[in-house]
Amino acid sequence: MASLGLITIAATPVVAQGLDYRSPDAAPPAWGQFAKLVKYRFEEWIGADEAVANRFRGWLKETGGTANGAPDSLIVKAWLNPDGSVEKVSSAPLNDERANSDLRTVLTRGNIGEAPPPEMLQPINLRFSLKIAKD
């Protein structure tokens, strides 16, 4: 879990069931390790001290706990290229188009730093808990 100023973001891998579903217990250990690395990178990028990430965290802080604001949690699906760059991400839409755009921008402009393991199923599904941290 990363504390990002007043925002706490925790991400855990989530498995989406489908034709290529593999339970976490049956998945190769390298897949779980890589998912943890993706989670770590996403947390770093969301917590970065730069304009888009700061604006996204500001929106979370302003709207968290309100009826039309940030949800308590969000599942982000990520597709990665063989070089470790993020090809695309998707999630349920937030109630603010700028926040949607900011989140996509932050999560797609970086490189994880490693290639996905061979034959790893994609997308990688991560659940983020978006909550205001207590001081």
N, C-alpha and C. Protein backbone atom coordinates (compact mmCIF):
# COMPACT_ATOMS: atom_id res chain seq x y z
N MET A 1 0.85 -1.16 0.00
CA MET A 1 0.00 0.00 0.00
C MET A 1 0.89 1.23 0.00
N ALA A 2 0.57 2.19 -0.82
CA ALA A 2 1.36 3.41 -0.90
C ALA A 2 0.54 4.56 -0.35
N SER A 3 1.14 5.38 0.47
CA SER A 3 0.46 6.56 0.97
C SER A 3 0.88 7.73 0.09
N LEU A 4 -0.08 8.34 -0.54
CA LEU A 4 0.18 9.41 -1.49
C LEU A 4 -0.40 10.70 -0.94
N GLY A 5 0.34 11.34 -0.05
CA GLY A 5 -0.19 12.53 0.59
C GLY A 5 -1.37 12.11 1.46
N LEU A 6 -2.54 12.64 1.16
CA LEU A 6 -3.73 12.27 1.91
C LEU A 6 -4.47 11.09 1.30
N ILE A 7 -4.02 10.61 0.16
CA ILE A 7 -4.70 9.53 -0.53
C ILE A 7 -3.93 8.23 -0.32
N THR A 8 -4.63 7.17 0.03
CA THR A 8 -4.02 5.86 0.13
C THR A 8 -4.52 5.02 -1.02
N ILE A 9 -3.60 4.45 -1.76
CA ILE A 9 -3.98 3.61 -2.89
C ILE A 9 -3.38 2.24 -2.65
N ALA A 10 -4.24 1.24 -2.56
CA ALA A 10 -3.78 -0.13 -2.40
C ALA A 10 -4.24 -0.89 -3.62
N ALA A 11 -3.37 -1.65 -4.20
CA ALA A 11 -3.74 -2.44 -5.37
C ALA A 11 -3.45 -3.89 -5.10
N THR A 12 -4.38 -4.73 -5.48
CA THR A 12 -4.19 -6.16 -5.39
C THR A 12 -4.59 -6.77 -6.71
N PRO A 13 -3.88 -7.82 -7.13
CA PRO A 13 -4.28 -8.47 -8.37
C PRO A 13 -5.68 -9.05 -8.25
N VAL A 14 -6.43 -8.95 -9.32
CA VAL A 14 -7.77 -9.50 -9.40
C VAL A 14 -7.80 -10.39 -10.63
N VAL A 15 -8.42 -11.53 -10.53
CA VAL A 15 -8.50 -12.43 -11.67
C VAL A 15 -9.86 -12.30 -12.32
N ALA A 16 -9.87 -12.04 -13.62
CA ALA A 16 -11.11 -11.99 -14.37
C ALA A 16 -11.32 -13.36 -15.00
N GLN A 17 -12.50 -13.93 -14.80
CA GLN A 17 -12.76 -15.24 -15.37
C GLN A 17 -13.20 -15.11 -16.82
N GLY A 18 -12.70 -15.96 -17.65
CA GLY A 18 -13.04 -15.97 -19.06
C GLY A 18 -12.52 -17.26 -19.67
N LEU A 19 -12.44 -17.29 -20.98
CA LEU A 19 -11.99 -18.49 -21.66
C LEU A 19 -10.57 -18.87 -21.26
N ASP A 20 -9.72 -17.89 -21.02
CA ASP A 20 -8.34 -18.16 -20.66
C ASP A 20 -8.11 -18.01 -19.16
N TYR A 21 -9.14 -18.20 -18.39
CA TYR A 21 -9.04 -18.02 -16.94
C TYR A 21 -8.09 -19.03 -16.33
N ARG A 22 -7.28 -18.57 -15.42
CA ARG A 22 -6.42 -19.44 -14.63
C ARG A 22 -6.47 -18.92 -13.20
N SER A 23 -6.85 -19.77 -12.26
CA SER A 23 -6.94 -19.32 -10.87
C SER A 23 -5.55 -18.91 -10.38
N PRO A 24 -5.51 -17.99 -9.42
CA PRO A 24 -4.21 -17.54 -8.91
C PRO A 24 -3.34 -18.70 -8.41
N ASP A 25 -3.97 -19.73 -7.85
CA ASP A 25 -3.22 -20.87 -7.34
C ASP A 25 -2.59 -21.69 -8.47
N ALA A 26 -3.21 -21.66 -9.67
CA ALA A 26 -2.70 -22.43 -10.80
C ALA A 26 -1.78 -21.63 -11.70
N ALA A 27 -1.72 -20.33 -11.51
CA ALA A 27 -0.88 -19.47 -12.35
C ALA A 27 0.59 -19.64 -11.95
N PRO A 28 1.48 -19.53 -12.91
CA PRO A 28 2.91 -19.59 -12.58
C PRO A 28 3.29 -18.46 -11.62
N PRO A 29 4.19 -18.73 -10.68
CA PRO A 29 4.60 -17.70 -9.72
C PRO A 29 5.11 -16.42 -10.39
N ALA A 30 5.73 -16.55 -11.55
CA ALA A 30 6.26 -15.37 -12.26
C ALA A 30 5.14 -14.40 -12.61
N TRP A 31 3.95 -14.91 -12.88
CA TRP A 31 2.83 -14.04 -13.22
C TRP A 31 2.44 -13.18 -12.02
N GLY A 32 2.37 -13.79 -10.85
CA GLY A 32 2.04 -13.03 -9.63
C GLY A 32 3.09 -12.00 -9.31
N GLN A 33 4.36 -12.36 -9.48
CA GLN A 33 5.44 -11.41 -9.23
C GLN A 33 5.38 -10.23 -10.19
N PHE A 34 5.07 -10.53 -11.45
CA PHE A 34 4.99 -9.45 -12.43
C PHE A 34 3.80 -8.54 -12.13
N ALA A 35 2.66 -9.12 -11.73
CA ALA A 35 1.49 -8.31 -11.37
C ALA A 35 1.82 -7.38 -10.20
N LYS A 36 2.61 -7.87 -9.24
CA LYS A 36 3.04 -7.02 -8.12
C LYS A 36 3.93 -5.88 -8.60
N LEU A 37 4.79 -6.15 -9.58
CA LEU A 37 5.64 -5.10 -10.14
C LEU A 37 4.78 -4.05 -10.84
N VAL A 38 3.78 -4.49 -11.61
CA VAL A 38 2.88 -3.54 -12.29
C VAL A 38 2.17 -2.69 -11.25
N LYS A 39 1.67 -3.31 -10.20
CA LYS A 39 1.00 -2.59 -9.11
C LYS A 39 1.93 -1.54 -8.51
N TYR A 40 3.15 -1.93 -8.24
CA TYR A 40 4.13 -1.02 -7.65
C TYR A 40 4.39 0.17 -8.57
N ARG A 41 4.59 -0.09 -9.87
CA ARG A 41 4.83 1.00 -10.83
C ARG A 41 3.63 1.94 -10.91
N PHE A 42 2.42 1.38 -11.00
CA PHE A 42 1.23 2.22 -11.07
C PHE A 42 1.12 3.10 -9.83
N GLU A 43 1.41 2.53 -8.65
CA GLU A 43 1.37 3.33 -7.43
C GLU A 43 2.42 4.44 -7.47
N GLU A 44 3.61 4.13 -7.97
CA GLU A 44 4.65 5.16 -8.11
C GLU A 44 4.18 6.28 -9.02
N TRP A 45 3.62 5.92 -10.15
CA TRP A 45 3.20 6.92 -11.14
C TRP A 45 2.05 7.77 -10.64
N ILE A 46 1.10 7.15 -9.93
CA ILE A 46 -0.03 7.92 -9.38
C ILE A 46 0.47 8.84 -8.26
N GLY A 47 1.49 8.41 -7.55
CA GLY A 47 2.04 9.20 -6.45
C GLY A 47 3.10 10.20 -6.85
N ALA A 48 3.45 10.25 -8.13
CA ALA A 48 4.51 11.15 -8.59
C ALA A 48 4.12 12.62 -8.38
N ASP A 49 5.14 13.43 -8.13
CA ASP A 49 4.92 14.86 -7.97
C ASP A 49 5.05 15.53 -9.34
N GLU A 50 3.99 15.39 -10.12
CA GLU A 50 3.92 16.04 -11.44
C GLU A 50 2.47 16.41 -11.70
N ALA A 51 2.24 17.29 -12.65
CA ALA A 51 0.95 17.95 -12.82
C ALA A 51 -0.25 17.00 -12.96
N VAL A 52 -0.17 16.04 -13.86
CA VAL A 52 -1.35 15.19 -14.12
C VAL A 52 -1.65 14.30 -12.91
N ALA A 53 -0.62 13.68 -12.33
CA ALA A 53 -0.83 12.83 -11.15
C ALA A 53 -1.34 13.67 -9.97
N ASN A 54 -0.80 14.86 -9.80
CA ASN A 54 -1.26 15.74 -8.72
C ASN A 54 -2.73 16.11 -8.91
N ARG A 55 -3.12 16.41 -10.14
CA ARG A 55 -4.51 16.77 -10.42
C ARG A 55 -5.43 15.59 -10.15
N PHE A 56 -5.01 14.37 -10.54
CA PHE A 56 -5.83 13.18 -10.30
C PHE A 56 -6.00 12.94 -8.79
N ARG A 57 -4.91 13.02 -8.04
CA ARG A 57 -5.00 12.84 -6.59
C ARG A 57 -5.85 13.94 -5.95
N GLY A 58 -5.76 15.15 -6.48
CA GLY A 58 -6.60 16.24 -5.97
C GLY A 58 -8.07 15.94 -6.18
N TRP A 59 -8.41 15.37 -7.34
CA TRP A 59 -9.81 15.00 -7.61
C TRP A 59 -10.25 13.92 -6.63
N LEU A 60 -9.39 12.94 -6.37
CA LEU A 60 -9.73 11.89 -5.40
C LEU A 60 -9.99 12.50 -4.03
N LYS A 61 -9.13 13.40 -3.62
CA LYS A 61 -9.28 14.03 -2.30
C LYS A 61 -10.57 14.85 -2.21
N GLU A 62 -10.85 15.63 -3.25
CA GLU A 62 -12.04 16.48 -3.25
C GLU A 62 -13.33 15.69 -3.29
N THR A 63 -13.36 14.58 -4.03
CA THR A 63 -14.63 13.90 -4.28
C THR A 63 -14.82 12.59 -3.53
N GLY A 64 -13.76 12.09 -2.89
CA GLY A 64 -13.88 10.82 -2.16
C GLY A 64 -14.97 10.90 -1.11
N GLY A 65 -15.82 9.89 -1.08
CA GLY A 65 -16.90 9.83 -0.11
C GLY A 65 -18.14 10.61 -0.48
N THR A 66 -18.16 11.23 -1.67
CA THR A 66 -19.35 11.96 -2.11
C THR A 66 -20.14 11.09 -3.10
N ALA A 67 -21.39 11.40 -3.27
CA ALA A 67 -22.26 10.59 -4.12
C ALA A 67 -21.77 10.47 -5.56
N ASN A 68 -21.29 11.55 -6.13
CA ASN A 68 -20.84 11.51 -7.53
C ASN A 68 -19.32 11.57 -7.65
N GLY A 69 -18.63 11.26 -6.58
CA GLY A 69 -17.18 11.38 -6.59
C GLY A 69 -16.45 10.08 -6.85
N ALA A 70 -15.23 10.03 -6.35
CA ALA A 70 -14.38 8.86 -6.54
C ALA A 70 -14.99 7.64 -5.86
N PRO A 71 -14.93 6.49 -6.51
CA PRO A 71 -15.45 5.28 -5.89
C PRO A 71 -14.51 4.79 -4.79
N ASP A 72 -14.99 3.88 -3.98
CA ASP A 72 -14.14 3.29 -2.93
C ASP A 72 -13.04 2.44 -3.54
N SER A 73 -13.36 1.78 -4.67
CA SER A 73 -12.35 0.94 -5.32
C SER A 73 -12.56 0.97 -6.83
N LEU A 74 -11.54 0.57 -7.53
CA LEU A 74 -11.56 0.60 -8.99
C LEU A 74 -10.71 -0.55 -9.52
N ILE A 75 -11.25 -1.32 -10.44
CA ILE A 75 -10.47 -2.37 -11.09
C ILE A 75 -9.91 -1.79 -12.38
N VAL A 76 -8.60 -1.84 -12.50
CA VAL A 76 -7.91 -1.36 -13.69
C VAL A 76 -7.37 -2.57 -14.43
N LYS A 77 -7.70 -2.66 -15.72
CA LYS A 77 -7.17 -3.71 -16.58
C LYS A 77 -6.03 -3.10 -17.39
N ALA A 78 -4.89 -3.80 -17.42
CA ALA A 78 -3.72 -3.29 -18.12
C ALA A 78 -3.19 -4.32 -19.12
N TRP A 79 -2.91 -3.84 -20.33
CA TRP A 79 -2.29 -4.65 -21.37
C TRP A 79 -0.89 -4.10 -21.57
N LEU A 80 0.10 -4.99 -21.59
CA LEU A 80 1.49 -4.58 -21.70
C LEU A 80 2.12 -5.12 -22.97
N ASN A 81 2.99 -4.32 -23.54
CA ASN A 81 3.75 -4.73 -24.72
C ASN A 81 4.93 -5.60 -24.30
N PRO A 82 5.51 -6.33 -25.24
CA PRO A 82 6.67 -7.19 -24.91
C PRO A 82 7.86 -6.44 -24.31
N ASP A 83 7.96 -5.13 -24.56
CA ASP A 83 9.08 -4.37 -24.00
C ASP A 83 8.78 -3.81 -22.61
N GLY A 84 7.60 -4.10 -22.05
CA GLY A 84 7.24 -3.63 -20.72
C GLY A 84 6.49 -2.32 -20.71
N SER A 85 6.31 -1.70 -21.88
CA SER A 85 5.52 -0.46 -21.93
C SER A 85 4.04 -0.82 -21.82
N VAL A 86 3.27 0.11 -21.30
CA VAL A 86 1.84 -0.10 -21.13
C VAL A 86 1.15 0.25 -22.44
N GLU A 87 0.51 -0.73 -23.04
CA GLU A 87 -0.19 -0.53 -24.31
C GLU A 87 -1.49 0.23 -24.09
N LYS A 88 -2.28 -0.24 -23.13
CA LYS A 88 -3.54 0.43 -22.81
C LYS A 88 -4.01 0.00 -21.44
N VAL A 89 -4.91 0.80 -20.88
CA VAL A 89 -5.58 0.47 -19.63
C VAL A 89 -7.06 0.76 -19.80
N SER A 90 -7.87 0.07 -19.02
CA SER A 90 -9.30 0.37 -19.00
C SER A 90 -9.82 0.13 -17.59
N SER A 91 -10.90 0.80 -17.30
CA SER A 91 -11.58 0.64 -16.01
C SER A 91 -13.00 1.14 -16.18
N ALA A 92 -13.82 0.88 -15.18
CA ALA A 92 -15.15 1.48 -15.18
C ALA A 92 -14.96 2.99 -15.18
N PRO A 93 -15.80 3.71 -15.92
CA PRO A 93 -15.61 5.16 -15.98
C PRO A 93 -15.86 5.82 -14.62
N LEU A 94 -15.02 6.80 -14.35
CA LEU A 94 -15.21 7.64 -13.18
C LEU A 94 -16.26 8.69 -13.54
N ASN A 95 -16.78 9.40 -12.56
CA ASN A 95 -17.83 10.39 -12.81
C ASN A 95 -17.29 11.73 -13.29
N ASP A 96 -16.05 11.76 -13.73
CA ASP A 96 -15.43 12.99 -14.19
C ASP A 96 -14.53 12.65 -15.37
N GLU A 97 -14.81 13.22 -16.53
CA GLU A 97 -14.04 12.88 -17.73
C GLU A 97 -12.57 13.28 -17.61
N ARG A 98 -12.30 14.39 -16.96
CA ARG A 98 -10.90 14.80 -16.79
C ARG A 98 -10.15 13.80 -15.91
N ALA A 99 -10.80 13.31 -14.84
CA ALA A 99 -10.17 12.30 -13.98
C ALA A 99 -9.92 11.02 -14.77
N ASN A 100 -10.87 10.62 -15.62
CA ASN A 100 -10.67 9.45 -16.48
C ASN A 100 -9.45 9.64 -17.36
N SER A 101 -9.37 10.79 -18.00
CA SER A 101 -8.25 11.08 -18.89
C SER A 101 -6.93 11.13 -18.12
N ASP A 102 -6.94 11.78 -16.96
CA ASP A 102 -5.73 11.87 -16.15
C ASP A 102 -5.24 10.48 -15.73
N LEU A 103 -6.14 9.62 -15.30
CA LEU A 103 -5.76 8.28 -14.89
C LEU A 103 -5.15 7.51 -16.06
N ARG A 104 -5.79 7.56 -17.22
CA ARG A 104 -5.24 6.88 -18.41
C ARG A 104 -3.87 7.43 -18.77
N THR A 105 -3.73 8.75 -18.72
CA THR A 105 -2.44 9.37 -19.05
C THR A 105 -1.34 8.90 -18.11
N VAL A 106 -1.62 8.94 -16.82
CA VAL A 106 -0.61 8.55 -15.83
C VAL A 106 -0.21 7.09 -16.00
N LEU A 107 -1.17 6.22 -16.25
CA LEU A 107 -0.88 4.79 -16.28
C LEU A 107 -0.34 4.29 -17.62
N THR A 108 -0.43 5.09 -18.67
CA THR A 108 0.01 4.58 -19.98
C THR A 108 1.28 5.24 -20.49
N ARG A 109 1.85 6.14 -19.77
CA ARG A 109 3.03 6.82 -20.31
C ARG A 109 4.35 6.28 -19.80
N GLY A 110 4.31 5.19 -19.07
CA GLY A 110 5.53 4.66 -18.51
C GLY A 110 5.86 3.27 -19.00
N ASN A 111 6.98 2.77 -18.50
CA ASN A 111 7.42 1.42 -18.79
C ASN A 111 7.61 0.72 -17.45
N ILE A 112 7.10 -0.49 -17.36
CA ILE A 112 7.17 -1.26 -16.12
C ILE A 112 8.62 -1.59 -15.76
N GLY A 113 9.47 -1.68 -16.77
CA GLY A 113 10.88 -1.97 -16.52
C GLY A 113 11.27 -3.40 -16.80
N GLU A 114 10.29 -4.24 -17.08
CA GLU A 114 10.52 -5.64 -17.42
C GLU A 114 9.47 -6.07 -18.44
N ALA A 115 9.82 -7.09 -19.19
CA ALA A 115 8.85 -7.68 -20.12
C ALA A 115 7.91 -8.59 -19.34
N PRO A 116 6.66 -8.71 -19.76
CA PRO A 116 5.77 -9.68 -19.12
C PRO A 116 6.35 -11.09 -19.28
N PRO A 117 6.09 -11.98 -18.32
CA PRO A 117 6.56 -13.35 -18.46
C PRO A 117 5.97 -14.00 -19.72
N PRO A 118 6.68 -14.95 -20.30
CA PRO A 118 6.17 -15.64 -21.49
C PRO A 118 4.79 -16.24 -21.23
N GLU A 119 3.92 -16.06 -22.20
CA GLU A 119 2.57 -16.63 -22.19
C GLU A 119 1.68 -16.13 -21.06
N MET A 120 2.06 -15.03 -20.42
CA MET A 120 1.20 -14.48 -19.36
C MET A 120 -0.09 -13.98 -19.96
N LEU A 121 -1.20 -14.38 -19.35
CA LEU A 121 -2.50 -13.94 -19.84
C LEU A 121 -2.69 -12.46 -19.54
N GLN A 122 -3.30 -11.75 -20.49
CA GLN A 122 -3.60 -10.34 -20.32
C GLN A 122 -5.05 -10.11 -20.68
N PRO A 123 -5.68 -9.12 -20.10
CA PRO A 123 -5.10 -8.05 -19.30
C PRO A 123 -4.76 -8.50 -17.88
N ILE A 124 -3.91 -7.72 -17.25
CA ILE A 124 -3.62 -7.87 -15.82
C ILE A 124 -4.67 -7.02 -15.12
N ASN A 125 -5.37 -7.60 -14.17
CA ASN A 125 -6.44 -6.91 -13.46
C ASN A 125 -5.98 -6.55 -12.06
N LEU A 126 -6.02 -5.27 -11.75
CA LEU A 126 -5.61 -4.79 -10.43
C LEU A 126 -6.76 -4.02 -9.80
N ARG A 127 -7.03 -4.31 -8.55
CA ARG A 127 -8.06 -3.57 -7.81
C ARG A 127 -7.36 -2.52 -6.96
N PHE A 128 -7.75 -1.27 -7.17
CA PHE A 128 -7.22 -0.16 -6.40
C PHE A 128 -8.27 0.28 -5.39
N SER A 129 -7.88 0.41 -4.15
CA SER A 129 -8.73 0.99 -3.12
C SER A 129 -8.37 2.46 -3.06
N LEU A 130 -9.34 3.32 -3.30
CA LEU A 130 -9.09 4.77 -3.33
C LEU A 130 -9.73 5.39 -2.09
N LYS A 131 -8.92 5.61 -1.09
CA LYS A 131 -9.45 6.13 0.17
C LYS A 131 -8.60 7.26 0.69
N ILE A 132 -9.22 8.16 1.40
CA ILE A 132 -8.52 9.27 2.02
C ILE A 132 -7.77 8.73 3.23
N ALA A 133 -6.45 8.99 3.27
CA ALA A 133 -5.63 8.54 4.40
C ALA A 133 -5.86 9.48 5.58
N LYS A 134 -5.90 8.92 6.75
CA LYS A 134 -6.03 9.73 7.98
C LYS A 134 -4.66 10.29 8.34
N ASP A 135 -4.63 11.55 8.72
CA ASP A 135 -3.35 12.15 9.14
C ASP A 135 -2.97 11.68 10.50
